[in-house]
Amino acid sequence: MASHTTRLVLPQVVIVGAGFGGLRCAKALADHPVHVTVIDRSNHHLFQPLLYQVATATLSPAEIASPIRSVLRDQTNTEVLMAEVGGVDKEKREVILEYGGEKRRIRYDYLVLATGARHGYFGQDDWEKFAPGLKSILDATAIRQKILIAFESAEMETDPQKRSELLQFVLVGGGPTGVEMAGAIAELAQIALARDFRRINPKAARISLIEAGPRLLASFPEPLSRRAETELSRLGVEVRTGCRVENITTEGVWMGGECLRARTIIWTAGVVASSAGRWLRAETDRVGRVKVLSDLSVPEHPEIFV
């Protein structure tokens, strides 16, 4: 009873999102006189930078994911809840959870929203069904299946045009994920699968990396961009910079009025922020990121951090 009473009077810190930011925050509070509740819609923490290796069958999902409860097991002031957050009531200081068709509320004294980002299709959300993105284990395993099935289907296909489309892989977006994925698919085709088929030559697969800007890895120094393009070209990847995608359909990717026909298209371009800004009715930038003060708190709400 004593410990329960103590818990009730401790400041309640609610952290939404168990990615790098959320977990780091939770662990930093381990020895402080607060009660921490970590909420995530998944039960695992994901090392997102290696998702592309799961998507190309180099790693298994278990090698880049750890149960959140295991990570925080020894932290006695912390509990973990797996639930979807549907909103925040700033006036009542409550997080609104959607669980099992019901809405539940969790009170907070301090709120940390570390919900990250999701795919952004620049207003063309209908492209997602043709060009999935890579943000979760489910995304990675679905893309892995799509890539491997493309080779298997090409082995069975007798029509040269359809076989060509099956062996054409297109990645839209020349940032880090696009560069890594393009190189990994090329290595999969040229090394891992090179001797596994009889009717097709996996080395004949064509990988195209499309970037609307003038160079790959735009956020990196230009010499690194040139080096990345050189290495990809060495692997046989076709790099197309300065190409803006006009449409994505079941046929392929449309650019300049022409269609690059492909059955496997992967979205590695823009991202947008999570729904946190909408939950808070806060000022956001053009991609939905909440505008915060220097300590990451929301203006006029020093108890909320994003």
Protein backbone atom coordinates (compact mmCIF):
# COMPACT_ATOMS: atom_id res chain seq x y z
CA MET A 1 0.00 0.00 0.00
CA ALA A 2 2.80 2.39 0.85
CA SER A 3 4.43 2.02 -2.56
CA HIS A 4 1.04 2.56 -4.27
CA THR A 5 0.48 5.79 -2.31
CA THR A 6 3.97 6.98 -3.17
CA ARG A 7 3.34 6.32 -6.85
CA LEU A 8 0.16 8.42 -6.82
CA VAL A 9 1.92 11.52 -5.54
CA LEU A 10 4.89 11.25 -7.89
CA PRO A 11 4.83 13.46 -11.01
CA GLN A 12 3.40 11.47 -13.90
CA VAL A 13 5.55 11.56 -17.05
CA VAL A 14 3.93 10.11 -20.15
CA ILE A 15 6.16 9.36 -23.15
CA VAL A 16 4.44 8.59 -26.45
CA GLY A 17 6.73 6.69 -28.79
CA ALA A 18 9.48 4.19 -27.96
CA GLY A 19 11.88 5.04 -30.75
CA PHE A 20 15.35 6.42 -30.14
CA GLY A 21 14.08 9.68 -28.59
CA GLY A 22 11.37 8.16 -26.42
CA LEU A 23 13.54 5.38 -25.02
CA ARG A 24 16.45 7.73 -24.36
CA CYS A 25 14.13 10.01 -22.42
CA ALA A 26 12.63 7.12 -20.43
CA LYS A 27 16.03 5.73 -19.49
CA ALA A 28 17.27 9.16 -18.45
CA LEU A 29 14.43 9.32 -15.90
CA ALA A 30 15.27 5.96 -14.32
CA ASP A 31 16.64 7.35 -11.07
CA HIS A 32 14.39 10.37 -10.74
CA PRO A 33 11.36 10.66 -8.41
CA VAL A 34 8.77 10.38 -11.19
CA HIS A 35 6.46 7.69 -12.52
CA VAL A 36 6.99 7.09 -16.25
CA THR A 37 4.47 5.60 -18.66
CA VAL A 38 5.79 4.70 -22.09
CA ILE A 39 3.12 4.25 -24.77
CA ASP A 40 3.76 2.78 -28.21
CA ARG A 41 1.50 1.14 -30.77
CA SER A 42 4.11 -1.62 -31.18
CA ASN A 43 5.60 -3.79 -28.46
CA HIS A 44 9.15 -3.46 -29.80
CA HIS A 45 11.80 -0.84 -30.28
CA LEU A 46 13.10 -0.81 -33.85
CA PHE A 47 16.56 0.06 -35.13
CA GLN A 48 15.21 1.77 -38.23
CA PRO A 49 18.55 2.42 -40.01
CA LEU A 50 18.85 -1.32 -40.72
CA LEU A 51 15.32 -1.86 -42.01
CA TYR A 52 16.62 -1.94 -45.56
CA GLN A 53 18.66 -5.05 -44.68
CA VAL A 54 15.51 -6.82 -43.51
CA ALA A 55 13.78 -5.71 -46.71
CA THR A 56 16.56 -7.29 -48.78
CA ALA A 57 16.76 -10.54 -46.75
CA THR A 58 20.17 -9.80 -45.23
CA LEU A 59 18.91 -9.62 -41.64
CA SER A 60 15.93 -11.13 -39.85
CA PRO A 61 13.46 -8.85 -38.04
CA ALA A 62 14.59 -10.16 -34.65
CA GLU A 63 18.09 -8.81 -35.28
CA ILE A 64 16.94 -5.18 -35.40
CA ALA A 65 14.03 -5.20 -32.92
CA SER A 66 13.93 -5.53 -29.13
CA PRO A 67 10.86 -5.79 -26.87
CA ILE A 68 10.27 -2.45 -25.16
CA ARG A 69 9.41 -4.21 -21.91
CA SER A 70 12.76 -6.04 -21.96
CA VAL A 71 14.68 -2.81 -22.57
CA LEU A 72 12.98 -1.16 -19.57
CA ARG A 73 12.59 -4.30 -17.44
CA ASP A 74 14.89 -3.15 -14.64
CA GLN A 75 13.48 0.37 -14.47
CA THR A 76 11.13 0.13 -11.50
CA ASN A 77 9.55 3.57 -11.96
CA THR A 78 8.42 2.81 -15.51
CA GLU A 79 5.48 0.98 -17.08
CA VAL A 80 4.88 0.17 -20.75
CA LEU A 81 1.52 0.26 -22.53
CA MET A 82 0.90 -0.93 -26.08
CA ALA A 83 -1.87 1.25 -27.49
CA GLU A 84 -2.70 3.70 -30.27
CA VAL A 85 -2.79 7.35 -29.25
CA GLY A 86 -5.71 9.23 -30.77
CA GLY A 87 -5.27 12.66 -29.24
CA VAL A 88 -4.21 14.87 -26.37
CA ASP A 89 -6.47 16.90 -24.06
CA LYS A 90 -4.18 19.78 -23.06
CA GLU A 91 -6.71 21.34 -20.70
CA LYS A 92 -7.23 18.17 -18.67
CA ARG A 93 -3.64 17.02 -19.22
CA GLU A 94 -4.68 13.65 -20.54
CA VAL A 95 -3.52 11.43 -23.38
CA ILE A 96 -6.41 9.76 -25.22
CA LEU A 97 -5.79 6.12 -26.07
CA GLU A 98 -7.69 4.02 -28.60
CA TYR A 99 -7.66 0.41 -27.50
CA GLY A 100 -10.02 -2.42 -28.37
CA GLY A 101 -12.57 -0.05 -29.89
CA GLU A 102 -12.68 2.01 -26.70
CA LYS A 103 -11.16 5.32 -25.67
CA ARG A 104 -9.13 5.48 -22.49
CA ARG A 105 -7.37 8.39 -20.85
CA ILE A 106 -3.98 8.57 -19.15
CA ARG A 107 -3.26 11.60 -16.99
CA TYR A 108 0.11 13.36 -17.18
CA ASP A 109 2.02 16.09 -15.39
CA TYR A 110 4.61 16.10 -18.15
CA LEU A 111 4.12 14.83 -21.69
CA VAL A 112 6.81 13.84 -24.17
CA LEU A 113 5.71 13.23 -27.75
CA ALA A 114 8.43 11.29 -29.55
CA THR A 115 6.33 9.87 -32.36
CA GLY A 116 8.71 10.38 -35.28
CA ALA A 117 7.64 10.50 -38.91
CA ARG A 118 5.73 8.55 -41.53
CA HIS A 119 5.75 8.30 -45.32
CA GLY A 120 4.92 11.49 -47.19
CA TYR A 121 3.73 11.33 -50.81
CA PHE A 122 3.61 15.09 -51.47
CA GLY A 123 -0.17 15.11 -51.63
CA GLN A 124 -0.36 11.98 -53.82
CA ASP A 125 -1.44 9.51 -51.16
CA ASP A 126 -2.93 7.16 -53.76
CA TRP A 127 0.63 6.31 -54.83
CA GLU A 128 1.19 4.40 -51.59
CA LYS A 129 -0.60 1.27 -52.80
CA PHE A 130 1.81 1.03 -55.75
CA ALA A 131 4.97 2.26 -54.01
CA PRO A 132 5.12 1.24 -50.33
CA GLY A 133 7.52 2.95 -47.96
CA LEU A 134 9.90 1.55 -45.36
CA LYS A 135 9.20 2.54 -41.77
CA SER A 136 8.32 -0.64 -39.88
CA ILE A 137 9.04 -4.36 -39.63
CA LEU A 138 5.78 -5.04 -41.46
CA ASP A 139 6.87 -2.70 -44.27
CA ALA A 140 10.25 -4.40 -44.51
CA THR A 141 8.91 -7.95 -44.58
CA ALA A 142 6.26 -7.01 -47.16
CA ILE A 143 8.90 -5.42 -49.40
CA ARG A 144 11.20 -8.40 -48.94
CA GLN A 145 8.44 -10.73 -50.07
CA LYS A 146 7.67 -8.48 -53.03
CA ILE A 147 11.32 -8.45 -54.14
CA LEU A 148 11.83 -12.20 -53.79
CA ILE A 149 8.50 -13.03 -55.45
CA ALA A 150 9.52 -10.81 -58.39
CA PHE A 151 12.50 -13.09 -59.10
CA GLU A 152 10.38 -16.22 -58.63
CA SER A 153 7.69 -14.89 -60.96
CA ALA A 154 10.30 -13.94 -63.56
CA GLU A 155 11.59 -17.53 -63.47
CA MET A 156 8.10 -18.75 -64.40
CA GLU A 157 7.30 -16.00 -66.93
CA THR A 158 7.62 -16.84 -70.64
CA ASP A 159 6.70 -13.39 -72.02
CA PRO A 160 9.96 -11.39 -72.44
CA GLN A 161 8.23 -8.03 -71.82
CA LYS A 162 6.55 -9.20 -68.60
CA ARG A 163 9.77 -10.83 -67.43
CA SER A 164 11.59 -7.55 -68.03
CA GLU A 165 9.01 -5.68 -65.94
CA LEU A 166 9.39 -8.22 -63.13
CA LEU A 167 13.16 -7.72 -63.09
CA GLN A 168 12.89 -3.91 -63.03
CA PHE A 169 13.11 -2.42 -59.53
CA VAL A 170 12.47 1.30 -59.04
CA LEU A 171 13.25 3.33 -55.94
CA VAL A 172 11.80 6.83 -55.73
CA GLY A 173 13.95 9.13 -53.61
CA GLY A 174 17.72 9.46 -53.44
CA GLY A 175 18.19 10.01 -49.72
CA PRO A 176 19.98 7.58 -47.39
CA THR A 177 17.22 4.95 -47.52
CA GLY A 178 17.02 5.03 -51.31
CA VAL A 179 20.78 4.77 -51.70
CA GLU A 180 21.04 1.90 -49.20
CA MET A 181 18.09 0.00 -50.67
CA ALA A 182 19.29 0.38 -54.25
CA GLY A 183 22.72 -0.95 -53.36
CA ALA A 184 21.29 -3.81 -51.30
CA ILE A 185 18.94 -4.94 -54.08
CA ALA A 186 21.83 -4.82 -56.56
CA GLU A 187 23.97 -6.99 -54.26
CA LEU A 188 21.06 -9.38 -53.74
CA ALA A 189 20.69 -9.82 -57.50
CA GLN A 190 24.37 -9.99 -58.35
CA ILE A 191 25.68 -12.03 -55.41
CA ALA A 192 23.13 -13.73 -53.15
CA LEU A 193 20.77 -14.91 -55.91
CA ALA A 194 23.20 -15.04 -58.80
CA ARG A 195 23.41 -18.85 -59.00
CA ASP A 196 19.98 -19.82 -57.69
CA PHE A 197 17.91 -19.66 -60.88
CA ARG A 198 18.01 -21.56 -64.17
CA ARG A 199 15.69 -19.73 -66.55
CA ILE A 200 16.67 -16.19 -65.62
CA ASN A 201 19.92 -14.49 -64.79
CA PRO A 202 19.35 -12.42 -61.63
CA LYS A 203 22.33 -10.27 -62.62
CA ALA A 204 20.18 -8.98 -65.47
CA ALA A 205 17.86 -7.27 -62.97
CA ARG A 206 17.71 -3.51 -63.45
CA ILE A 207 17.63 -1.22 -60.44
CA SER A 208 16.72 2.43 -61.02
CA LEU A 209 17.09 5.10 -58.35
CA ILE A 210 15.11 8.25 -59.13
CA GLU A 211 15.82 11.59 -57.46
CA ALA A 212 14.02 14.85 -58.24
CA GLY A 213 16.93 16.99 -57.06
CA PRO A 214 20.27 17.55 -58.79
CA ARG A 215 22.16 14.97 -56.69
CA LEU A 216 21.80 12.06 -54.30
CA LEU A 217 22.07 12.52 -50.53
CA ALA A 218 21.23 16.21 -50.73
CA SER A 219 21.73 16.72 -46.98
CA PHE A 220 25.31 15.41 -47.15
CA PRO A 221 28.45 17.13 -48.50
CA GLU A 222 28.67 17.01 -52.29
CA PRO A 223 31.78 14.76 -52.40
CA LEU A 224 29.81 12.06 -50.54
CA SER A 225 26.97 12.39 -53.05
CA ARG A 226 29.40 11.85 -55.93
CA ARG A 227 30.99 8.88 -54.17
CA ALA A 228 27.57 7.30 -53.54
CA GLU A 229 26.60 7.67 -57.20
CA THR A 230 29.93 6.18 -58.30
CA GLU A 231 29.53 3.17 -56.01
CA LEU A 232 25.94 2.58 -57.10
CA SER A 233 26.92 2.78 -60.76
CA ARG A 234 29.65 0.22 -60.09
CA LEU A 235 26.94 -2.11 -58.74
CA GLY A 236 24.91 -1.58 -61.89
CA VAL A 237 22.32 0.78 -60.42
CA GLU A 238 20.92 3.33 -62.86
CA VAL A 239 20.86 6.70 -61.08
CA ARG A 240 18.48 9.31 -62.48
CA THR A 241 18.79 12.73 -60.89
CA GLY A 242 16.72 15.76 -61.86
CA CYS A 243 13.76 13.47 -62.61
CA ARG A 244 10.44 14.40 -61.09
CA VAL A 245 7.86 11.64 -60.77
CA GLU A 246 4.54 12.61 -62.34
CA ASN A 247 2.51 9.52 -61.51
CA ILE A 248 2.79 5.98 -60.17
CA THR A 249 0.39 3.30 -61.40
CA THR A 250 0.17 -0.46 -61.78
CA GLU A 251 2.19 -0.02 -64.99
CA GLY A 252 5.15 1.71 -63.37
CA VAL A 253 6.59 5.16 -62.73
CA TRP A 254 5.75 8.05 -65.05
CA MET A 255 8.35 10.76 -65.69
CA GLY A 256 8.43 13.27 -68.54
CA GLY A 257 5.35 11.72 -70.07
CA GLU A 258 7.01 8.31 -70.33
CA CYS A 259 6.57 5.21 -68.19
CA LEU A 260 9.39 3.21 -66.62
CA ARG A 261 7.59 -0.12 -66.48
CA ALA A 262 8.15 -2.04 -63.25
CA ARG A 263 6.26 -4.36 -60.94
CA THR A 264 8.33 -3.46 -57.85
CA ILE A 265 8.39 0.21 -56.84
CA ILE A 266 9.61 1.34 -53.43
CA TRP A 267 9.02 4.80 -51.97
CA THR A 268 12.18 6.19 -50.38
CA ALA A 269 11.41 9.89 -50.82
CA GLY A 270 9.74 12.32 -48.46
CA VAL A 271 8.43 11.87 -44.95
CA VAL A 272 5.97 13.91 -42.93
CA ALA A 273 5.69 14.29 -39.18
CA SER A 274 3.28 12.20 -37.13
CA SER A 275 -0.10 13.48 -35.99
CA ALA A 276 1.36 15.09 -32.85
CA GLY A 277 0.87 18.63 -34.16
CA ARG A 278 -2.78 17.95 -34.87
CA TRP A 279 -3.29 16.40 -31.43
CA LEU A 280 -1.92 19.55 -29.81
CA ARG A 281 -3.50 22.03 -32.25
CA ALA A 282 -0.03 23.55 -32.32
CA GLU A 283 1.78 25.57 -34.97
CA THR A 284 3.63 23.31 -37.39
CA ASP A 285 5.88 23.67 -40.41
CA ARG A 286 4.99 22.51 -43.93
CA VAL A 287 5.70 18.83 -43.20
CA GLY A 288 3.82 18.82 -39.89
CA ARG A 289 6.67 19.22 -37.42
CA VAL A 290 5.66 21.08 -34.27
CA LYS A 291 7.42 24.40 -33.74
CA VAL A 292 9.01 24.21 -30.29
CA LEU A 293 11.15 26.36 -28.03
CA SER A 294 14.87 25.77 -27.43
CA ASP A 295 14.15 23.22 -24.69
CA LEU A 296 11.74 21.31 -27.04
CA SER A 297 8.69 22.48 -25.12
CA VAL A 298 5.54 23.69 -26.85
CA PRO A 299 4.95 27.48 -26.59
CA GLU A 300 2.61 28.27 -23.66
CA HIS A 301 2.76 24.63 -22.55
CA PRO A 302 6.01 24.10 -20.62
CA GLU A 303 4.77 20.67 -19.52
CA ILE A 304 4.64 19.32 -23.12
CA PHE A 305 7.79 18.41 -25.06
CA VAL A 306 8.00 17.30 -28.70
